Amino acid sequence: MIIISELEAVEKFCSNRNILFNYSFRGSKYAAYRLKPDDSRVIRLDNDYYVISATLYLMIRRYLVAFRKGDGSAETLLHL
């Protein structure tokens, strides 16, 4: 079993679907929430916090929940 980081898994998930994983900020939780515009969401991947668009958040949310629960391998999760 290959262990990959949450960031690598999300980037692979997005690239397989031709979705750009763009974030406007990467850093601490406090700074992410302070710098977050109204139309964006904050998401934790590994030990960093990312400010991403609300649309992107909705697209990767289910995948990330399943990935964190360990519901199958990363390859299986790519088919969500």
PDB file of N, CA and C in Angstrom:
ATOM      1  N   MET A   1       0.840  -1.183   0.000  1.00  0.00           N
ATOM      2  CA  MET A   1       0.000   0.000   0.000  1.00  0.00           C
ATOM      3  C   MET A   1       0.884   1.245   0.000  1.00  0.00           C
ATOM      4  N   ILE A   2       0.601   2.147  -0.894  1.00  0.00           N
ATOM      5  CA  ILE A   2       1.368   3.375  -1.005  1.00  0.00           C
ATOM      6  C   ILE A   2       0.677   4.457  -0.175  1.00  0.00           C
ATOM      7  N   ILE A   3       1.436   5.083   0.696  1.00  0.00           N
ATOM      8  CA  ILE A   3       0.891   6.170   1.504  1.00  0.00           C
ATOM      9  C   ILE A   3       1.262   7.486   0.838  1.00  0.00           C
ATOM     10  N   ILE A   4       0.235   8.287   0.527  1.00  0.00           N
ATOM     11  CA  ILE A   4       0.471   9.586  -0.079  1.00  0.00           C
ATOM     12  C   ILE A   4      -0.162  10.649   0.800  1.00  0.00           C
ATOM     13  N   SER A   5       0.315  11.867   0.678  1.00  0.00           N
ATOM     14  CA  SER A   5      -0.218  12.957   1.486  1.00  0.00           C
ATOM     15  C   SER A   5      -1.589  13.380   0.954  1.00  0.00           C
ATOM     16  N   GLU A   6      -2.325  14.073   1.799  1.00  0.00           N
ATOM     17  CA  GLU A   6      -3.633  14.572   1.384  1.00  0.00           C
ATOM     18  C   GLU A   6      -3.499  15.532   0.209  1.00  0.00           C
ATOM     19  N   LEU A   7      -2.478  16.379   0.242  1.00  0.00           N
ATOM     20  CA  LEU A   7      -2.276  17.335  -0.847  1.00  0.00           C
ATOM     21  C   LEU A   7      -2.014  16.614  -2.164  1.00  0.00           C
ATOM     22  N   GLU A   8      -1.144  15.609  -2.143  1.00  0.00           N
ATOM     23  CA  GLU A   8      -0.870  14.844  -3.368  1.00  0.00           C
ATOM     24  C   GLU A   8      -2.129  14.161  -3.873  1.00  0.00           C
ATOM     25  N   ALA A   9      -2.917  13.598  -2.954  1.00  0.00           N
ATOM     26  CA  ALA A   9      -4.146  12.906  -3.347  1.00  0.00           C
ATOM     27  C   ALA A   9      -5.145  13.869  -3.984  1.00  0.00           C
ATOM     28  N   VAL A  10      -5.317  15.042  -3.377  1.00  0.00           N
ATOM     29  CA  VAL A  10      -6.255  16.026  -3.923  1.00  0.00           C
ATOM     30  C   VAL A  10      -5.767  16.552  -5.268  1.00  0.00           C
ATOM     31  N   GLU A  11      -4.473  16.817  -5.397  1.00  0.00           N
ATOM     32  CA  GLU A  11      -3.937  17.287  -6.674  1.00  0.00           C
ATOM     33  C   GLU A  11      -4.130  16.241  -7.764  1.00  0.00           C
ATOM     34  N   LYS A  12      -3.925  14.971  -7.430  1.00  0.00           N
ATOM     35  CA  LYS A  12      -4.123  13.896  -8.411  1.00  0.00           C
ATOM     36  C   LYS A  12      -5.600  13.773  -8.784  1.00  0.00           C
ATOM     37  N   PHE A  13      -6.477  13.864  -7.791  1.00  0.00           N
ATOM     38  CA  PHE A  13      -7.914  13.815  -8.017  1.00  0.00           C
ATOM     39  C   PHE A  13      -8.336  14.923  -8.980  1.00  0.00           C
ATOM     40  N   CYS A  14      -7.848  16.130  -8.729  1.00  0.00           N
ATOM     41  CA  CYS A  14      -8.198  17.271  -9.585  1.00  0.00           C
ATOM     42  C   CYS A  14      -7.626  17.117 -10.989  1.00  0.00           C
ATOM     43  N   SER A  15      -6.386  16.690 -11.091  1.00  0.00           N
ATOM     44  CA  SER A  15      -5.774  16.566 -12.420  1.00  0.00           C
ATOM     45  C   SER A  15      -6.463  15.495 -13.253  1.00  0.00           C
ATOM     46  N   ASN A  16      -6.933  14.424 -12.620  1.00  0.00           N
ATOM     47  CA  ASN A  16      -7.657  13.377 -13.354  1.00  0.00           C
ATOM     48  C   ASN A  16      -8.992  13.871 -13.896  1.00  0.00           C
ATOM     49  N   ARG A  17      -9.508  14.943 -13.321  1.00  0.00           N
ATOM     50  CA  ARG A  17     -10.783  15.508 -13.750  1.00  0.00           C
ATOM     51  C   ARG A  17     -10.621  16.849 -14.475  1.00  0.00           C
ATOM     52  N   ASN A  18      -9.385  17.192 -14.790  1.00  0.00           N
ATOM     53  CA  ASN A  18      -9.083  18.460 -15.470  1.00  0.00           C
ATOM     54  C   ASN A  18      -9.603  19.665 -14.688  1.00  0.00           C
ATOM     55  N   ILE A  19      -9.446  19.611 -13.372  1.00  0.00           N
ATOM     56  CA  ILE A  19      -9.810  20.711 -12.487  1.00  0.00           C
ATOM     57  C   ILE A  19      -8.508  21.328 -11.987  1.00  0.00           C
ATOM     58  N   LEU A  20      -8.415  22.633 -12.042  1.00  0.00           N
ATOM     59  CA  LEU A  20      -7.222  23.304 -11.531  1.00  0.00           C
ATOM     60  C   LEU A  20      -7.327  23.442 -10.018  1.00  0.00           C
ATOM     61  N   PHE A  21      -6.306  22.972  -9.299  1.00  0.00           N
ATOM     62  CA  PHE A  21      -6.268  23.143  -7.851  1.00  0.00           C
ATOM     63  C   PHE A  21      -5.508  24.427  -7.555  1.00  0.00           C
ATOM     64  N   ASN A  22      -6.249  25.531  -7.590  1.00  0.00           N
ATOM     65  CA  ASN A  22      -5.668  26.843  -7.325  1.00  0.00           C
ATOM     66  C   ASN A  22      -6.044  27.279  -5.922  1.00  0.00           C
ATOM     67  N   TYR A  23      -5.078  27.801  -5.214  1.00  0.00           N
ATOM     68  CA  TYR A  23      -5.363  28.350  -3.892  1.00  0.00           C
ATOM     69  C   TYR A  23      -4.771  29.747  -3.805  1.00  0.00           C
ATOM     70  N   SER A  24      -5.435  30.595  -3.027  1.00  0.00           N
ATOM     71  CA  SER A  24      -4.974  31.972  -2.906  1.00  0.00           C
ATOM     72  C   SER A  24      -4.052  32.165  -1.715  1.00  0.00           C
ATOM     73  N   PHE A  25      -4.039  31.216  -0.790  1.00  0.00           N
ATOM     74  CA  PHE A  25      -3.165  31.304   0.382  1.00  0.00           C
ATOM     75  C   PHE A  25      -2.887  29.907   0.906  1.00  0.00           C
ATOM     76  N   ARG A  26      -1.673  29.724   1.425  1.00  0.00           N
ATOM     77  CA  ARG A  26      -1.283  28.483   2.105  1.00  0.00           C
ATOM     78  C   ARG A  26      -0.490  28.878   3.341  1.00  0.00           C
ATOM     79  N   GLY A  27      -0.910  28.394   4.494  1.00  0.00           N
ATOM     80  CA  GLY A  27      -0.185  28.748   5.713  1.00  0.00           C
ATOM     81  C   GLY A  27      -0.938  28.361   6.963  1.00  0.00           C
ATOM     82  N   SER A  28      -0.870  29.226   7.969  1.00  0.00           N
ATOM     83  CA  SER A  28      -1.464  28.925   9.274  1.00  0.00           C
ATOM     84  C   SER A  28      -2.980  29.084   9.241  1.00  0.00           C
ATOM     85  N   LYS A  29      -3.628  28.442  10.190  1.00  0.00           N
ATOM     86  CA  LYS A  29      -5.081  28.503  10.298  1.00  0.00           C
ATOM     87  C   LYS A  29      -5.544  29.942  10.535  1.00  0.00           C
ATOM     88  N   TYR A  30      -4.886  30.614  11.458  1.00  0.00           N
ATOM     89  CA  TYR A  30      -5.274  31.987  11.792  1.00  0.00           C
ATOM     90  C   TYR A  30      -5.185  32.897  10.567  1.00  0.00           C
ATOM     91  N   ALA A  31      -4.057  32.853   9.879  1.00  0.00           N
ATOM     92  CA  ALA A  31      -3.864  33.712   8.711  1.00  0.00           C
ATOM     93  C   ALA A  31      -4.845  33.364   7.594  1.00  0.00           C
ATOM     94  N   ALA A  32      -5.102  32.074   7.393  1.00  0.00           N
ATOM     95  CA  ALA A  32      -6.029  31.656   6.336  1.00  0.00           C
ATOM     96  C   ALA A  32      -7.420  32.236   6.572  1.00  0.00           C
ATOM     97  N   TYR A  33      -7.909  32.154   7.808  1.00  0.00           N
ATOM     98  CA  TYR A  33      -9.236  32.698   8.091  1.00  0.00           C
ATOM     99  C   TYR A  33      -9.260  34.220   8.052  1.00  0.00           C
ATOM    100  N   ARG A  34      -8.168  34.853   8.395  1.00  0.00           N
ATOM    101  CA  ARG A  34      -8.099  36.319   8.346  1.00  0.00           C
ATOM    102  C   ARG A  34      -8.067  36.824   6.904  1.00  0.00           C
ATOM    103  N   LEU A  35      -7.413  36.089   6.007  1.00  0.00           N
ATOM    104  CA  LEU A  35      -7.247  36.524   4.619  1.00  0.00           C
ATOM    105  C   LEU A  35      -8.324  36.000   3.679  1.00  0.00           C
ATOM    106  N   LYS A  36      -9.212  35.162   4.163  1.00  0.00           N
ATOM    107  CA  LYS A  36     -10.218  34.514   3.319  1.00  0.00           C
ATOM    108  C   LYS A  36     -11.281  35.505   2.854  1.00  0.00           C
ATOM    109  N   PRO A  37     -11.457  35.631   1.530  1.00  0.00           N
ATOM    110  CA  PRO A  37     -12.578  36.438   1.018  1.00  0.00           C
ATOM    111  C   PRO A  37     -13.915  35.730   1.269  1.00  0.00           C
ATOM    112  N   ASP A  38     -15.006  36.460   1.128  1.00  0.00           N
ATOM    113  CA  ASP A  38     -16.339  35.901   1.399  1.00  0.00           C
ATOM    114  C   ASP A  38     -16.701  34.733   0.486  1.00  0.00           C
ATOM    115  N   ASP A  39     -16.193  34.721  -0.735  1.00  0.00           N
ATOM    116  CA  ASP A  39     -16.568  33.680  -1.691  1.00  0.00           C
ATOM    117  C   ASP A  39     -15.604  32.492  -1.672  1.00  0.00           C
ATOM    118  N   SER A  40     -14.825  32.356  -0.626  1.00  0.00           N
ATOM    119  CA  SER A  40     -13.833  31.279  -0.536  1.00  0.00           C
ATOM    120  C   SER A  40     -14.033  30.453   0.723  1.00  0.00           C
ATOM    121  N   ARG A  41     -13.370  29.309   0.754  1.00  0.00           N
ATOM    122  CA  ARG A  41     -13.422  28.412   1.916  1.00  0.00           C
ATOM    123  C   ARG A  41     -12.003  28.082   2.342  1.00  0.00           C
ATOM    124  N   VAL A  42     -11.857  27.695   3.602  1.00  0.00           N
ATOM    125  CA  VAL A  42     -10.560  27.264   4.129  1.00  0.00           C
ATOM    126  C   VAL A  42     -10.610  25.757   4.297  1.00  0.00           C
ATOM    127  N   ILE A  43      -9.577  25.090   3.834  1.00  0.00           N
ATOM    128  CA  ILE A  43      -9.498  23.635   3.929  1.00  0.00           C
ATOM    129  C   ILE A  43      -8.120  23.252   4.463  1.00  0.00           C
ATOM    130  N   ARG A  44      -8.102  22.246   5.344  1.00  0.00           N
ATOM    131  CA  ARG A  44      -6.837  21.765   5.886  1.00  0.00           C
ATOM    132  C   ARG A  44      -6.399  20.544   5.102  1.00  0.00           C
ATOM    133  N   LEU A  45      -5.191  20.596   4.587  1.00  0.00           N
ATOM    134  CA  LEU A  45      -4.588  19.445   3.913  1.00  0.00           C
ATOM    135  C   LEU A  45      -3.253  19.202   4.590  1.00  0.00           C
ATOM    136  N   ASP A  46      -3.086  18.013   5.116  1.00  0.00           N
ATOM    137  CA  ASP A  46      -1.906  17.671   5.898  1.00  0.00           C
ATOM    138  C   ASP A  46      -1.820  18.655   7.071  1.00  0.00           C
ATOM    139  N   ASN A  47      -0.790  19.450   7.182  1.00  0.00           N
ATOM    140  CA  ASN A  47      -0.659  20.383   8.302  1.00  0.00           C
ATOM    141  C   ASN A  47      -0.762  21.835   7.881  1.00  0.00           C
ATOM    142  N   ASP A  48      -1.210  22.086   6.665  1.00  0.00           N
ATOM    143  CA  ASP A  48      -1.351  23.456   6.168  1.00  0.00           C
ATOM    144  C   ASP A  48      -2.813  23.764   5.891  1.00  0.00           C
ATOM    145  N   TYR A  49      -3.121  25.050   5.924  1.00  0.00           N
ATOM    146  CA  TYR A  49      -4.461  25.517   5.612  1.00  0.00           C
ATOM    147  C   TYR A  49      -4.409  26.259   4.284  1.00  0.00           C
ATOM    148  N   TYR A  50      -5.394  25.984   3.423  1.00  0.00           N
ATOM    149  CA  TYR A  50      -5.458  26.560   2.088  1.00  0.00           C
ATOM    150  C   TYR A  50      -6.763  27.332   1.946  1.00  0.00           C
ATOM    151  N   VAL A  51      -6.687  28.482   1.295  1.00  0.00           N
ATOM    152  CA  VAL A  51      -7.881  29.243   0.942  1.00  0.00           C
ATOM    153  C   VAL A  51      -8.171  28.932  -0.520  1.00  0.00           C
ATOM    154  N   ILE A  52      -9.329  28.307  -0.753  1.00  0.00           N
ATOM    155  CA  ILE A  52      -9.720  27.911  -2.106  1.00  0.00           C
ATOM    156  C   ILE A  52     -11.124  28.435  -2.394  1.00  0.00           C
ATOM    157  N   SER A  53     -11.496  28.427  -3.652  1.00  0.00           N
ATOM    158  CA  SER A  53     -12.838  28.884  -4.027  1.00  0.00           C
ATOM    159  C   SER A  53     -13.887  27.925  -3.465  1.00  0.00           C
ATOM    160  N   ALA A  54     -15.056  28.461  -3.216  1.00  0.00           N
ATOM    161  CA  ALA A  54     -16.147  27.642  -2.691  1.00  0.00           C
ATOM    162  C   ALA A  54     -16.533  26.539  -3.671  1.00  0.00           C
ATOM    163  N   THR A  55     -16.446  26.825  -4.944  1.00  0.00           N
ATOM    164  CA  THR A  55     -16.771  25.833  -5.971  1.00  0.00           C
ATOM    165  C   THR A  55     -15.791  24.669  -5.931  1.00  0.00           C
ATOM    166  N   LEU A  56     -14.506  24.964  -5.854  1.00  0.00           N
ATOM    167  CA  LEU A  56     -13.493  23.912  -5.767  1.00  0.00           C
ATOM    168  C   LEU A  56     -13.680  23.098  -4.493  1.00  0.00           C
ATOM    169  N   TYR A  57     -13.999  23.755  -3.402  1.00  0.00           N
ATOM    170  CA  TYR A  57     -14.230  23.062  -2.141  1.00  0.00           C
ATOM    171  C   TYR A  57     -15.355  22.036  -2.285  1.00  0.00           C
ATOM    172  N   LEU A  58     -16.437  22.429  -2.921  1.00  0.00           N
ATOM    173  CA  LEU A  58     -17.562  21.507  -3.105  1.00  0.00           C
ATOM    174  C   LEU A  58     -17.182  20.313  -3.970  1.00  0.00           C
ATOM    175  N   MET A  59     -16.302  20.531  -4.944  1.00  0.00           N
ATOM    176  CA  MET A  59     -15.903  19.446  -5.840  1.00  0.00           C
ATOM    177  C   MET A  59     -15.009  18.417  -5.147  1.00  0.00           C
ATOM    178  N   ILE A  60     -14.160  18.843  -4.217  1.00  0.00           N
ATOM    179  CA  ILE A  60     -13.212  17.899  -3.609  1.00  0.00           C
ATOM    180  C   ILE A  60     -13.622  17.419  -2.220  1.00  0.00           C
ATOM    181  N   ARG A  61     -14.670  17.995  -1.652  1.00  0.00           N
ATOM    182  CA  ARG A  61     -15.070  17.676  -0.273  1.00  0.00           C
ATOM    183  C   ARG A  61     -15.365  16.193  -0.068  1.00  0.00           C
ATOM    184  N   ARG A  62     -16.210  15.605  -0.888  1.00  0.00           N
ATOM    185  CA  ARG A  62     -16.561  14.182  -0.720  1.00  0.00           C
ATOM    186  C   ARG A  62     -15.343  13.289  -0.856  1.00  0.00           C
ATOM    187  N   TYR A  63     -14.489  13.608  -1.819  1.00  0.00           N
ATOM    188  CA  TYR A  63     -13.278  12.824  -2.019  1.00  0.00           C
ATOM    189  C   TYR A  63     -12.385  12.885  -0.779  1.00  0.00           C
ATOM    190  N   LEU A  64     -12.206  14.069  -0.239  1.00  0.00           N
ATOM    191  CA  LEU A  64     -11.320  14.244   0.908  1.00  0.00           C
ATOM    192  C   LEU A  64     -11.859  13.537   2.150  1.00  0.00           C
ATOM    193  N   VAL A  65     -13.169  13.573   2.358  1.00  0.00           N
ATOM    194  CA  VAL A  65     -13.773  12.868   3.494  1.00  0.00           C
ATOM    195  C   VAL A  65     -13.519  11.368   3.377  1.00  0.00           C
ATOM    196  N   ALA A  66     -13.734  10.809   2.207  1.00  0.00           N
ATOM    197  CA  ALA A  66     -13.500   9.376   1.989  1.00  0.00           C
ATOM    198  C   ALA A  66     -12.021   9.041   2.150  1.00  0.00           C
ATOM    199  N   PHE A  67     -11.144   9.901   1.656  1.00  0.00           N
ATOM    200  CA  PHE A  67      -9.705   9.678   1.772  1.00  0.00           C
ATOM    201  C   PHE A  67      -9.275   9.647   3.233  1.00  0.00           C
ATOM    202  N   ARG A  68      -9.800  10.564   4.025  1.00  0.00           N
ATOM    203  CA  ARG A  68      -9.430  10.628   5.449  1.00  0.00           C
ATOM    204  C   ARG A  68      -9.973   9.452   6.241  1.00  0.00           C
ATOM    205  N   LYS A  69     -11.125   8.943   5.853  1.00  0.00           N
ATOM    206  CA  LYS A  69     -11.693   7.775   6.529  1.00  0.00           C
ATOM    207  C   LYS A  69     -10.930   6.508   6.190  1.00  0.00           C
ATOM    208  N   GLY A  70     -10.190   6.544   5.087  1.00  0.00           N
ATOM    209  CA  GLY A  70      -9.468   5.359   4.654  1.00  0.00           C
ATOM    210  C   GLY A  70     -10.348   4.382   3.908  1.00  0.00           C
ATOM    211  N   ASP A  71     -11.392   4.882   3.260  1.00  0.00           N
ATOM    212  CA  ASP A  71     -12.315   4.039   2.500  1.00  0.00           C
ATOM    213  C   ASP A  71     -11.685   3.618   1.181  1.00  0.00           C
ATOM    214  N   GLY A  72     -10.819   2.654   1.209  1.00  0.00           N
ATOM    215  CA  GLY A  72     -10.204   2.148  -0.010  1.00  0.00           C
ATOM    216  C   GLY A  72      -8.899   2.844  -0.310  1.00  0.00           C
ATOM    217  N   SER A  73      -8.253   2.376  -1.338  1.00  0.00           N
ATOM    218  CA  SER A  73      -6.976   2.955  -1.743  1.00  0.00           C
ATOM    219  C   SER A  73      -7.203   4.254  -2.494  1.00  0.00           C
ATOM    220  N   ALA A  74      -6.140   5.002  -2.710  1.00  0.00           N
ATOM    221  CA  ALA A  74      -6.237   6.262  -3.451  1.00  0.00           C
ATOM    222  C   ALA A  74      -6.751   6.017  -4.860  1.00  0.00           C
ATOM    223  N   GLU A  75      -6.377   4.879  -5.448  1.00  0.00           N
ATOM    224  CA  GLU A  75      -6.839   4.580  -6.804  1.00  0.00           C
ATOM    225  C   GLU A  75      -8.348   4.366  -6.843  1.00  0.00           C
ATOM    226  N   THR A  76      -8.887   3.696  -5.842  1.00  0.00           N
ATOM    227  CA  THR A  76     -10.325   3.468  -5.770  1.00  0.00           C
ATOM    228  C   THR A  76     -11.059   4.787  -5.560  1.00  0.00           C
ATOM    229  N   LEU A  77     -10.506   5.637  -4.725  1.00  0.00           N
ATOM    230  CA  LEU A  77     -11.151   6.913  -4.427  1.00  0.00           C
ATOM    231  C   LEU A  77     -11.230   7.816  -5.652  1.00  0.00           C
ATOM    232  N   LEU A  78     -10.337   7.650  -6.592  1.00  0.00           N
ATOM    233  CA  LEU A  78     -10.352   8.507  -7.773  1.00  0.00           C
ATOM    234  C   LEU A  78     -11.607   8.305  -8.605  1.00  0.00           C
ATOM    235  N   HIS A  79     -12.359   7.243  -8.352  1.00  0.00           N
ATOM    236  CA  HIS A  79     -13.555   6.952  -9.126  1.00  0.00           C
ATOM    237  C   HIS A  79     -14.814   7.515  -8.483  1.00  0.00           C
ATOM    238  N   LEU A  80     -14.699   8.296  -7.413  1.00  0.00           N
ATOM    239  CA  LEU A  80     -15.878   8.921  -6.786  1.00  0.00           C
ATOM    240  C   LEU A  80     -16.518   9.907  -7.722  1.00  0.00           C
TER     241      LEU A  80
END
